[in-house]
Amino acid sequence: MNFIALENQVVLLKPLEQEDTQELLEAGSYPEIWPHMSTTVEKMVDVNNFVDKALEKKHEKTEFPFVIVDEKSGKIIGSTRFMDIDETHKRLEIGSTWITPAFWRTAINTNCKYLLLQYCFEVLNLQRVQIKTDHENLRSQKAIERLGATKEGVLRNHMLRKDGTTRHTVMYSITPQEWPQVKNHLQRLLIDYEEKS
């Protein structure tokens, strides 16, 4: 699969590079981002580890990491990636998404997901895109459901969190058959954001 930078008037999803480390540290230095994430990038050692591992997975072609750039300021405000890439079965996951708190409940995440999903279904012609989250992360579940993804169920005792506690995973997906309806829904959400801004 070929991956490229994705962009509209609100956001740029740029392939992650080593030189993005300092801006990622600035964007990620808020403790409220990290309770439900499997990683943390609050300190320089964290962000170096985050970038090194992400680029290693990119080299292995199992993941493709992006930085999220706010088009107005030109600043990096978070990160997202394609994960669990399976070319044989034409599927992947959108995950490891985090955004600096100043941009929570704005049009940023919806624009990111729109660009990513459009590329998945209209360029890569995938059969499945999945999104998963911690069963305790209700904010994330609401955000995923707001996108129009279908909730498939809960994988019990699926992962161990950073603190060693057990996490159940809530699974969502979108298929090519659902994409036209999801696309229309996302376009309406983006129009609503524009009218409010």
Protein backbone atom coordinates (compact mmCIF):
# COMPACT_ATOMS: atom_id res chain seq x y z
CA MET A 1 0.00 0.00 0.00
CA ASN A 2 1.21 3.48 -0.82
CA PHE A 3 0.68 6.25 1.73
CA ILE A 4 1.04 9.98 1.21
CA ALA A 5 0.43 13.27 3.00
CA LEU A 6 -3.28 14.12 3.20
CA GLU A 7 -4.52 17.69 3.39
CA ASN A 8 -7.51 20.00 3.30
CA GLN A 9 -8.09 23.60 4.42
CA VAL A 10 -8.21 22.64 8.11
CA VAL A 11 -5.58 19.99 8.66
CA LEU A 12 -2.46 18.41 7.15
CA LEU A 13 -1.61 14.79 7.90
CA LYS A 14 2.11 14.62 7.20
CA PRO A 15 4.24 11.47 7.40
CA LEU A 16 6.07 11.48 10.74
CA GLU A 17 9.78 12.34 10.57
CA GLN A 18 12.58 12.37 13.13
CA GLU A 19 12.71 16.19 13.08
CA ASP A 20 9.11 16.38 14.36
CA THR A 21 10.26 15.37 17.87
CA GLN A 22 10.33 18.83 19.51
CA GLU A 23 6.91 19.90 18.22
CA LEU A 24 5.41 16.56 19.26
CA LEU A 25 6.81 17.08 22.75
CA GLU A 26 5.15 20.51 22.95
CA ALA A 27 1.83 19.12 21.70
CA GLY A 28 1.96 16.10 24.00
CA SER A 29 3.03 17.70 27.27
CA TYR A 30 -0.48 17.57 28.80
CA PRO A 31 -1.16 14.71 31.26
CA GLU A 32 -4.88 14.64 30.41
CA ILE A 33 -4.08 13.20 26.96
CA TRP A 34 -2.54 9.96 28.20
CA PRO A 35 -4.68 8.01 30.74
CA HIS A 36 -6.24 5.73 28.08
CA MET A 37 -3.30 5.63 25.67
CA SER A 38 -0.77 2.79 25.55
CA THR A 39 2.05 5.32 25.28
CA THR A 40 3.00 8.71 26.76
CA VAL A 41 4.97 11.58 25.20
CA GLU A 42 5.11 14.05 28.08
CA LYS A 43 8.94 14.06 28.34
CA MET A 44 11.76 14.12 25.79
CA VAL A 45 12.70 10.50 26.52
CA ASP A 46 9.06 9.54 25.85
CA VAL A 47 8.81 11.37 22.57
CA ASN A 48 12.16 10.02 21.34
CA ASN A 49 10.92 6.51 22.12
CA PHE A 50 7.55 7.25 20.46
CA VAL A 51 9.17 8.51 17.23
CA ASP A 52 11.80 5.75 17.07
CA LYS A 53 9.21 2.99 17.52
CA ALA A 54 6.81 4.59 15.03
CA LEU A 55 9.51 4.87 12.36
CA GLU A 56 10.61 1.29 13.04
CA LYS A 57 7.02 0.08 12.45
CA LYS A 58 6.89 2.20 9.29
CA HIS A 59 10.08 0.54 8.04
CA GLU A 60 8.52 -2.87 8.77
CA LYS A 61 5.43 -1.74 6.79
CA THR A 62 3.07 -2.73 9.62
CA GLU A 63 2.18 0.87 10.48
CA PHE A 64 2.28 4.30 8.87
CA PRO A 65 2.48 7.23 11.34
CA PHE A 66 1.37 10.80 10.63
CA VAL A 67 1.71 14.05 12.52
CA ILE A 68 -1.41 16.23 12.65
CA VAL A 69 -0.69 19.81 11.59
CA ASP A 70 -3.14 22.67 12.17
CA GLU A 71 -3.32 24.52 8.83
CA LYS A 72 -3.97 27.89 10.50
CA SER A 73 -0.87 27.93 12.69
CA GLY A 74 1.29 25.43 10.80
CA LYS A 75 2.03 23.72 14.13
CA ILE A 76 1.99 20.01 14.95
CA ILE A 77 -0.91 19.38 17.33
CA GLY A 78 -0.94 15.59 17.57
CA SER A 79 -0.44 12.30 15.80
CA THR A 80 -2.39 9.44 14.23
CA ARG A 81 -1.49 6.41 12.17
CA PHE A 82 -2.53 3.49 10.02
CA MET A 83 -1.89 0.30 12.02
CA ASP A 84 -2.29 -3.46 11.65
CA ILE A 85 -1.82 -3.06 7.89
CA ASP A 86 -2.79 -6.23 6.02
CA GLU A 87 -2.34 -5.94 2.27
CA THR A 88 -3.51 -9.50 1.60
CA HIS A 89 -6.91 -8.94 3.15
CA LYS A 90 -7.07 -5.22 2.27
CA ARG A 91 -7.66 -3.92 5.76
CA LEU A 92 -6.06 -1.69 8.36
CA GLU A 93 -6.78 0.16 11.58
CA ILE A 94 -6.80 3.89 12.27
CA GLY A 95 -5.35 4.35 15.73
CA SER A 96 -2.84 5.83 18.18
CA THR A 97 -4.65 9.12 17.64
CA TRP A 98 -3.99 11.93 20.09
CA ILE A 99 -4.51 15.66 19.85
CA THR A 100 -3.37 18.45 22.16
CA PRO A 101 -6.28 19.48 24.45
CA ALA A 102 -6.71 22.97 22.96
CA PHE A 103 -8.12 21.25 19.84
CA TRP A 104 -10.45 18.80 21.58
CA ARG A 105 -14.10 19.20 20.51
CA THR A 106 -13.08 21.11 17.38
CA ALA A 107 -13.24 20.17 13.70
CA ILE A 108 -9.69 18.74 13.75
CA ASN A 109 -10.43 15.09 14.56
CA THR A 110 -13.40 14.90 12.19
CA ASN A 111 -11.28 16.34 9.37
CA CYS A 112 -8.49 13.85 10.13
CA LYS A 113 -10.85 10.89 10.04
CA TYR A 114 -12.52 12.14 6.86
CA LEU A 115 -9.18 12.42 5.04
CA LEU A 116 -7.96 9.04 6.30
CA LEU A 117 -11.18 7.17 5.52
CA GLN A 118 -11.55 8.78 2.11
CA TYR A 119 -8.03 7.66 1.23
CA CYS A 120 -8.67 4.15 2.56
CA PHE A 121 -11.85 3.56 0.57
CA GLU A 122 -11.41 5.73 -2.52
CA VAL A 123 -7.69 5.30 -3.22
CA LEU A 124 -6.60 2.09 -1.48
CA ASN A 125 -9.98 0.35 -2.05
CA LEU A 126 -9.86 -1.37 1.31
CA GLN A 127 -12.36 -3.95 2.53
CA ARG A 128 -12.31 -2.89 6.17
CA VAL A 129 -11.10 -0.06 8.37
CA GLN A 130 -11.25 -0.67 12.10
CA ILE A 131 -10.99 1.65 15.10
CA LYS A 132 -10.69 0.39 18.66
CA THR A 133 -10.60 1.95 22.10
CA ASP A 134 -10.43 1.22 25.82
CA HIS A 135 -13.79 0.22 27.35
CA GLU A 136 -13.31 2.95 29.97
CA ASN A 137 -12.58 5.67 27.41
CA LEU A 138 -16.12 6.92 26.98
CA ARG A 139 -15.02 10.15 25.29
CA SER A 140 -13.27 8.16 22.56
CA GLN A 141 -16.23 5.80 22.13
CA LYS A 142 -18.60 8.75 21.65
CA ALA A 143 -16.22 10.32 19.12
CA ILE A 144 -15.95 7.07 17.12
CA GLU A 145 -19.71 6.54 17.15
CA ARG A 146 -20.20 10.15 16.06
CA LEU A 147 -18.13 9.36 12.94
CA GLY A 148 -20.67 6.71 11.95
CA ALA A 149 -18.54 3.61 12.59
CA THR A 150 -20.35 0.37 13.46
CA LYS A 151 -19.78 -1.01 16.95
CA GLU A 152 -18.90 -4.69 16.59
CA GLY A 153 -18.55 -5.64 20.25
CA VAL A 154 -16.08 -5.88 23.11
CA LEU A 155 -12.93 -8.02 23.22
CA ARG A 156 -12.70 -9.04 26.85
CA ASN A 157 -9.34 -8.98 28.66
CA HIS A 158 -7.80 -7.88 25.37
CA MET A 159 -4.82 -5.83 26.53
CA LEU A 160 -2.80 -4.80 29.55
CA ARG A 161 -2.57 -1.08 30.21
CA LYS A 162 0.65 0.77 31.07
CA ASP A 163 -0.14 0.32 34.77
CA GLY A 164 -0.70 -3.44 34.37
CA THR A 165 -4.50 -3.35 34.73
CA THR A 166 -6.72 -5.28 32.33
CA ARG A 167 -8.34 -3.47 29.43
CA HIS A 168 -11.35 -4.66 27.47
CA THR A 169 -11.34 -3.29 23.92
CA VAL A 170 -14.39 -1.84 22.16
CA MET A 171 -14.19 -2.61 18.43
CA TYR A 172 -15.65 -0.52 15.61
CA SER A 173 -15.35 -0.78 11.83
CA ILE A 174 -16.40 0.74 8.53
CA THR A 175 -16.77 -1.24 5.28
CA PRO A 176 -16.88 -0.08 1.64
CA GLN A 177 -20.63 -0.70 1.61
CA GLU A 178 -21.05 1.72 4.53
CA TRP A 179 -18.58 4.34 3.30
CA PRO A 180 -20.99 6.39 1.09
CA GLN A 181 -23.35 6.90 4.03
CA VAL A 182 -20.49 7.58 6.47
CA LYS A 183 -18.94 10.01 3.98
CA ASN A 184 -22.18 11.98 3.64
CA HIS A 185 -22.55 12.06 7.42
CA LEU A 186 -18.97 13.34 7.89
CA GLN A 187 -19.45 15.99 5.20
CA ARG A 188 -22.53 17.26 7.05
CA LEU A 189 -20.56 17.40 10.31
CA LEU A 190 -17.78 19.37 8.61
CA ILE A 191 -20.30 21.84 7.15
CA ASP A 192 -21.77 22.31 10.65
CA TYR A 193 -18.29 23.08 12.01
CA GLU A 194 -17.71 25.63 9.23
CA GLU A 195 -21.01 27.37 9.91
CA LYS A 196 -20.24 27.63 13.63
CA SER A 197 -16.72 28.99 13.13
